[in-house]
Amino acid sequence: MTCNWSLSSNTNLELIFFRFDTESCCDYVYVYDGGSSSSPLIGRYQGNLLPPTITSSSNQLFVIFTTDGSVVNSGFAASYHVVDSIRLIGSTPLTGRVEVFAHGEWGTVCDNTWDINDANVVCRQLGFPSATSSGTDGQGTGRIWLDRVDCSGSEAQISDCSHRGWGVHHCSHSEDSSVQCSSDIP
C-alpha cells in the first residue's frame, strides 16, 4: 500500500514528526523537497526514532508512505507549518516556550491573560489538533513580541488575536508563555 501527501504554502515549509513507529523492514516514509517524487529526496525514514525537523528549500514538500501491511504498528503523525512564523522551544516537538517571528527576529510571548484559547490557536498554527495545557515553562532571551494576547480560540494564527501591539509589553522573560500541544488525531 502507498499513500502520499503534497504539502504547499506561499513560503518554505517545516515538517515535524511527533510520533513515529513503523516496521523497520517494510514501512518507509520518503520526504521530497518539492511537489512530487521526482523532486530531490530529503530522506527515507523507518523504525521508531523520530526523524529530525525537515525544512523545504521551496514552498512544497511531498511525502510518501509505503508499507507491505504485514505488521500493524501505530504508524506516524506529523504536522507542518510555514518557516519563520512560530515555534516551540522545549524538550519535545509538542511542548515548549512559544516564540513568534516578526520584523526579522524571533521573540517570546508574555503570559499576561494567557490561557487555553491562546494555546489552542498556537497549536493549530503549528499543525497540531489542539492544546492540552498552557502556562510558563522556561525563559527566553531577546525580544518580547506580544503581551496581553487574547484569542477567542477560533483564530488561524496568534497574530490574528488581540494584543497590545508588536513589541509593546510590560513583562519580563520570567513570564514567557508556553504550551503543550496534543498528539491525538481526531
C-alpha atoms as a PDB file:
ATOM      1  CA  MET A   1       0.000   0.000   0.000  1.00  0.00           C
ATOM      2  CA  THR A   2       1.197   3.515  -0.778  1.00  0.00           C
ATOM      3  CA  CYS A   3      -0.127   6.853   0.477  1.00  0.00           C
ATOM      4  CA  ASN A   4       1.167  10.281  -0.478  1.00  0.00           C
ATOM      5  CA  TRP A   5       0.660  13.876   0.575  1.00  0.00           C
ATOM      6  CA  SER A   6       1.535  17.073  -1.223  1.00  0.00           C
ATOM      7  CA  LEU A   7       2.164  19.998   1.135  1.00  0.00           C
ATOM      8  CA  SER A   8       2.387  23.567  -0.125  1.00  0.00           C
ATOM      9  CA  SER A   9       2.338  27.144   1.073  1.00  0.00           C
ATOM     10  CA  ASN A  10       3.378  30.581  -0.084  1.00  0.00           C
ATOM     11  CA  THR A  11       6.819  30.156   1.547  1.00  0.00           C
ATOM     12  CA  ASN A  12       9.147  27.436   2.859  1.00  0.00           C
ATOM     13  CA  LEU A  13       7.646  24.667   4.978  1.00  0.00           C
ATOM     14  CA  GLU A  14       8.731  22.872   8.126  1.00  0.00           C
ATOM     15  CA  LEU A  15       7.626  19.256   8.689  1.00  0.00           C
ATOM     16  CA  ILE A  16       7.720  17.965  12.265  1.00  0.00           C
ATOM     17  CA  PHE A  17       7.139  14.312  13.172  1.00  0.00           C
ATOM     18  CA  PHE A  18       5.761  13.907  16.687  1.00  0.00           C
ATOM     19  CA  ARG A  19       5.009  10.175  16.609  1.00  0.00           C
ATOM     20  CA  PHE A  20       6.926   7.581  14.611  1.00  0.00           C
ATOM     21  CA  ASP A  21       6.543   3.793  14.926  1.00  0.00           C
ATOM     22  CA  THR A  22       6.902   1.880  11.670  1.00  0.00           C
ATOM     23  CA  GLU A  23       8.084  -1.639  10.861  1.00  0.00           C
ATOM     24  CA  SER A  24      11.825  -1.281  10.152  1.00  0.00           C
ATOM     25  CA  CYS A  25      11.952  -3.795   7.331  1.00  0.00           C
ATOM     26  CA  CYS A  26       8.860  -2.884   5.400  1.00  0.00           C
ATOM     27  CA  ASP A  27       7.379   0.560   6.223  1.00  0.00           C
ATOM     28  CA  TYR A  28       9.078   3.642   4.790  1.00  0.00           C
ATOM     29  CA  VAL A  29       8.383   7.365   4.810  1.00  0.00           C
ATOM     30  CA  TYR A  30      10.033   9.312   1.979  1.00  0.00           C
ATOM     31  CA  VAL A  31      10.169  13.111   2.067  1.00  0.00           C
ATOM     32  CA  TYR A  32      10.932  15.055  -1.136  1.00  0.00           C
ATOM     33  CA  ASP A  33      11.917  18.708  -1.455  1.00  0.00           C
ATOM     34  CA  GLY A  34       9.266  19.736  -3.977  1.00  0.00           C
ATOM     35  CA  GLY A  35       5.865  18.795  -5.312  1.00  0.00           C
ATOM     36  CA  SER A  36       6.441  15.191  -6.463  1.00  0.00           C
ATOM     37  CA  SER A  37       8.562  12.070  -6.056  1.00  0.00           C
ATOM     38  CA  SER A  38      10.782  13.293  -8.890  1.00  0.00           C
ATOM     39  CA  SER A  39      11.912  16.180  -6.621  1.00  0.00           C
ATOM     40  CA  PRO A  40      15.157  15.797  -4.624  1.00  0.00           C
ATOM     41  CA  LEU A  41      14.855  13.224  -1.831  1.00  0.00           C
ATOM     42  CA  ILE A  42      15.403  14.757   1.613  1.00  0.00           C
ATOM     43  CA  GLY A  43      15.281  11.447   3.445  1.00  0.00           C
ATOM     44  CA  ARG A  44      13.893   7.952   3.907  1.00  0.00           C
ATOM     45  CA  TYR A  45      12.729   7.158   7.436  1.00  0.00           C
ATOM     46  CA  GLN A  46      11.759   3.899   9.164  1.00  0.00           C
ATOM     47  CA  GLY A  47      11.670   2.291  12.607  1.00  0.00           C
ATOM     48  CA  ASN A  48      10.734   4.104  15.777  1.00  0.00           C
ATOM     49  CA  LEU A  49      13.182   7.023  16.066  1.00  0.00           C
ATOM     50  CA  LEU A  50      11.675  10.448  15.426  1.00  0.00           C
ATOM     51  CA  PRO A  51      13.077  11.938  12.210  1.00  0.00           C
ATOM     52  CA  PRO A  52      14.596  15.421  12.546  1.00  0.00           C
ATOM     53  CA  THR A  53      12.591  18.526  11.713  1.00  0.00           C
ATOM     54  CA  ILE A  54      12.585  18.870   7.923  1.00  0.00           C
ATOM     55  CA  THR A  55      12.674  22.252   6.181  1.00  0.00           C
ATOM     56  CA  SER A  56      11.896  22.661   2.496  1.00  0.00           C
ATOM     57  CA  SER A  57      14.026  24.802   0.211  1.00  0.00           C
ATOM     58  CA  SER A  58      10.901  25.840  -1.679  1.00  0.00           C
ATOM     59  CA  ASN A  59       7.205  26.171  -0.885  1.00  0.00           C
ATOM     60  CA  GLN A  60       6.451  22.449  -1.315  1.00  0.00           C
ATOM     61  CA  LEU A  61       7.111  19.075   0.285  1.00  0.00           C
ATOM     62  CA  PHE A  62       5.962  15.694  -0.993  1.00  0.00           C
ATOM     63  CA  VAL A  63       5.603  12.780   1.457  1.00  0.00           C
ATOM     64  CA  ILE A  64       5.145   9.101   0.555  1.00  0.00           C
ATOM     65  CA  PHE A  65       4.399   6.261   2.988  1.00  0.00           C
ATOM     66  CA  THR A  66       4.826   2.698   1.755  1.00  0.00           C
ATOM     67  CA  THR A  67       4.004  -0.473   3.670  1.00  0.00           C
ATOM     68  CA  ASP A  68       3.612  -4.151   2.936  1.00  0.00           C
ATOM     69  CA  GLY A  69       0.839  -4.267   5.566  1.00  0.00           C
ATOM     70  CA  SER A  70       2.215  -7.437   7.166  1.00  0.00           C
ATOM     71  CA  VAL A  71       2.559  -5.996  10.675  1.00  0.00           C
ATOM     72  CA  VAL A  72       0.433  -3.235  12.085  1.00  0.00           C
ATOM     73  CA  ASN A  73       2.428  -0.669  14.054  1.00  0.00           C
ATOM     74  CA  SER A  74       0.988   2.642  15.162  1.00  0.00           C
ATOM     75  CA  GLY A  75       2.497   4.444  12.148  1.00  0.00           C
ATOM     76  CA  PHE A  76       3.425   8.094  12.280  1.00  0.00           C
ATOM     77  CA  ALA A  77       1.959  11.515  12.868  1.00  0.00           C
ATOM     78  CA  ALA A  78       3.402  14.811  11.695  1.00  0.00           C
ATOM     79  CA  SER A  79       2.488  18.453  11.369  1.00  0.00           C
ATOM     80  CA  TYR A  80       3.678  21.202   9.079  1.00  0.00           C
ATOM     81  CA  HIS A  81       3.699  24.981   9.078  1.00  0.00           C
ATOM     82  CA  VAL A  82       5.431  27.821   7.286  1.00  0.00           C
ATOM     83  CA  VAL A  83       9.027  28.527   8.271  1.00  0.00           C
ATOM     84  CA  ASP A  84       9.806  31.602  10.353  1.00  0.00           C
ATOM     85  CA  SER A  85       6.340  32.193  11.738  1.00  0.00           C
ATOM     86  CA  ILE A  86       6.032  30.415  15.094  1.00  0.00           C
ATOM     87  CA  ARG A  87       7.912  27.734  17.027  1.00  0.00           C
ATOM     88  CA  LEU A  88       8.093  25.925  20.340  1.00  0.00           C
ATOM     89  CA  ILE A  89      11.380  25.825  22.237  1.00  0.00           C
ATOM     90  CA  GLY A  90      11.253  22.802  24.536  1.00  0.00           C
ATOM     91  CA  SER A  91      12.101  19.183  25.124  1.00  0.00           C
ATOM     92  CA  THR A  92       9.668  17.732  22.545  1.00  0.00           C
ATOM     93  CA  PRO A  93       8.047  18.943  19.311  1.00  0.00           C
ATOM     94  CA  LEU A  94       4.753  19.165  21.264  1.00  0.00           C
ATOM     95  CA  THR A  95       5.859  21.197  24.289  1.00  0.00           C
ATOM     96  CA  GLY A  96       7.711  24.419  24.893  1.00  0.00           C
ATOM     97  CA  ARG A  97       8.004  28.160  25.128  1.00  0.00           C
ATOM     98  CA  VAL A  98       6.113  29.982  22.370  1.00  0.00           C
ATOM     99  CA  GLU A  99       8.230  32.140  20.066  1.00  0.00           C
ATOM    100  CA  VAL A 100       6.989  34.191  17.122  1.00  0.00           C
ATOM    101  CA  PHE A 101       8.953  35.632  14.202  1.00  0.00           C
ATOM    102  CA  ALA A 102       8.421  39.285  13.326  1.00  0.00           C
ATOM    103  CA  HIS A 103      10.464  42.043  11.730  1.00  0.00           C
ATOM    104  CA  GLY A 104      13.336  39.643  11.044  1.00  0.00           C
ATOM    105  CA  GLU A 105      13.787  38.212  14.531  1.00  0.00           C
ATOM    106  CA  TRP A 106      12.362  35.704  16.991  1.00  0.00           C
ATOM    107  CA  GLY A 107      10.739  36.835  20.222  1.00  0.00           C
ATOM    108  CA  THR A 108       8.618  35.486  23.045  1.00  0.00           C
ATOM    109  CA  VAL A 109       5.009  35.975  24.137  1.00  0.00           C
ATOM    110  CA  CYS A 110       4.204  37.263  27.634  1.00  0.00           C
ATOM    111  CA  ASP A 111       1.809  35.205  29.774  1.00  0.00           C
ATOM    112  CA  ASN A 112      -0.443  38.115  30.863  1.00  0.00           C
ATOM    113  CA  THR A 113      -4.008  36.880  30.110  1.00  0.00           C
ATOM    114  CA  TRP A 114      -2.510  33.703  28.522  1.00  0.00           C
ATOM    115  CA  ASP A 115      -4.987  30.802  28.588  1.00  0.00           C
ATOM    116  CA  ILE A 116      -6.034  27.610  26.819  1.00  0.00           C
ATOM    117  CA  ASN A 117      -7.738  29.551  23.972  1.00  0.00           C
ATOM    118  CA  ASP A 118      -4.406  31.202  23.136  1.00  0.00           C
ATOM    119  CA  ALA A 119      -2.617  27.851  23.402  1.00  0.00           C
ATOM    120  CA  ASN A 120      -5.153  26.198  21.070  1.00  0.00           C
ATOM    121  CA  VAL A 121      -4.503  28.845  18.400  1.00  0.00           C
ATOM    122  CA  VAL A 122      -0.729  28.336  18.702  1.00  0.00           C
ATOM    123  CA  CYS A 123      -1.014  24.547  18.456  1.00  0.00           C
ATOM    124  CA  ARG A 124      -3.324  24.704  15.434  1.00  0.00           C
ATOM    125  CA  GLN A 125      -0.978  27.216  13.759  1.00  0.00           C
ATOM    126  CA  LEU A 126       1.819  24.672  14.280  1.00  0.00           C
ATOM    127  CA  GLY A 127      -0.346  21.971  12.678  1.00  0.00           C
ATOM    128  CA  PHE A 128      -1.406  20.113  15.828  1.00  0.00           C
ATOM    129  CA  PRO A 129      -5.069  19.424  16.594  1.00  0.00           C
ATOM    130  CA  SER A 130      -5.282  21.328  19.906  1.00  0.00           C
ATOM    131  CA  ALA A 131      -3.541  22.199  23.166  1.00  0.00           C
ATOM    132  CA  THR A 132      -3.649  20.149  26.339  1.00  0.00           C
ATOM    133  CA  SER A 133      -2.278  22.919  28.557  1.00  0.00           C
ATOM    134  CA  SER A 134      -0.981  26.474  28.671  1.00  0.00           C
ATOM    135  CA  GLY A 135       1.431  28.081  31.091  1.00  0.00           C
ATOM    136  CA  THR A 136       5.005  29.241  31.557  1.00  0.00           C
ATOM    137  CA  ASP A 137       7.900  26.851  31.117  1.00  0.00           C
ATOM    138  CA  GLY A 138      11.314  28.339  30.603  1.00  0.00           C
ATOM    139  CA  GLN A 139      12.650  31.806  29.989  1.00  0.00           C
ATOM    140  CA  GLY A 140      13.645  33.118  26.598  1.00  0.00           C
ATOM    141  CA  THR A 141      16.034  35.902  25.713  1.00  0.00           C
ATOM    142  CA  GLY A 142      15.883  38.862  23.384  1.00  0.00           C
ATOM    143  CA  ARG A 143      12.634  40.429  22.211  1.00  0.00           C
ATOM    144  CA  ILE A 144       9.273  40.048  23.858  1.00  0.00           C
ATOM    145  CA  TRP A 145       6.984  40.460  20.865  1.00  0.00           C
ATOM    146  CA  LEU A 146       3.490  40.039  22.272  1.00  0.00           C
ATOM    147  CA  ASP A 147       1.717  40.828  25.536  1.00  0.00           C
ATOM    148  CA  ARG A 148      -1.888  40.529  26.658  1.00  0.00           C
ATOM    149  CA  VAL A 149      -2.727  38.082  23.877  1.00  0.00           C
ATOM    150  CA  ASP A 150      -6.455  37.398  23.938  1.00  0.00           C
ATOM    151  CA  CYS A 151      -7.669  34.763  21.468  1.00  0.00           C
ATOM    152  CA  SER A 152     -11.241  33.554  21.227  1.00  0.00           C
ATOM    153  CA  GLY A 153      -9.836  30.207  20.089  1.00  0.00           C
ATOM    154  CA  SER A 154     -11.091  30.363  16.501  1.00  0.00           C
ATOM    155  CA  GLU A 155      -8.261  32.466  15.020  1.00  0.00           C
ATOM    156  CA  ALA A 156      -5.985  30.950  12.360  1.00  0.00           C
ATOM    157  CA  GLN A 157      -2.789  32.341  13.879  1.00  0.00           C
ATOM    158  CA  ILE A 158      -1.688  34.110  17.022  1.00  0.00           C
ATOM    159  CA  SER A 159      -1.161  37.405  15.196  1.00  0.00           C
ATOM    160  CA  ASP A 160      -4.931  37.443  14.486  1.00  0.00           C
ATOM    161  CA  CYS A 161      -5.666  37.591  18.232  1.00  0.00           C
ATOM    162  CA  SER A 162      -5.950  40.881  20.076  1.00  0.00           C
ATOM    163  CA  HIS A 163      -2.741  42.026  21.809  1.00  0.00           C
ATOM    164  CA  ARG A 164      -1.033  45.252  22.917  1.00  0.00           C
ATOM    165  CA  GLY A 165       0.921  45.626  19.671  1.00  0.00           C
ATOM    166  CA  TRP A 166       4.159  44.170  18.319  1.00  0.00           C
ATOM    167  CA  GLY A 167       6.960  44.821  20.801  1.00  0.00           C
ATOM    168  CA  VAL A 168       4.675  46.614  23.293  1.00  0.00           C
ATOM    169  CA  HIS A 169       4.793  44.833  26.653  1.00  0.00           C
ATOM    170  CA  HIS A 170       5.018  45.245  30.389  1.00  0.00           C
ATOM    171  CA  CYS A 171       6.650  41.988  31.425  1.00  0.00           C
ATOM    172  CA  SER A 172       9.964  40.117  31.669  1.00  0.00           C
ATOM    173  CA  HIS A 173      11.132  36.772  30.325  1.00  0.00           C
ATOM    174  CA  SER A 174      10.132  35.113  33.607  1.00  0.00           C
ATOM    175  CA  GLU A 175       6.588  35.484  32.218  1.00  0.00           C
ATOM    176  CA  ASP A 176       7.180  33.825  28.811  1.00  0.00           C
ATOM    177  CA  SER A 177       4.226  31.709  27.650  1.00  0.00           C
ATOM    178  CA  SER A 178       4.362  28.014  26.851  1.00  0.00           C
ATOM    179  CA  VAL A 179       2.029  25.330  25.536  1.00  0.00           C
ATOM    180  CA  GLN A 180       1.675  21.600  25.365  1.00  0.00           C
ATOM    181  CA  CYS A 181       0.042  20.503  22.120  1.00  0.00           C
ATOM    182  CA  SER A 182      -1.980  17.333  21.714  1.00  0.00           C
ATOM    183  CA  SER A 183      -0.755  14.495  19.541  1.00  0.00           C
ATOM    184  CA  ASP A 184      -4.220  12.914  19.404  1.00  0.00           C
ATOM    185  CA  ILE A 185      -5.503  12.894  15.855  1.00  0.00           C
ATOM    186  CA  PRO A 186      -9.295  13.356  15.802  1.00  0.00           C
END
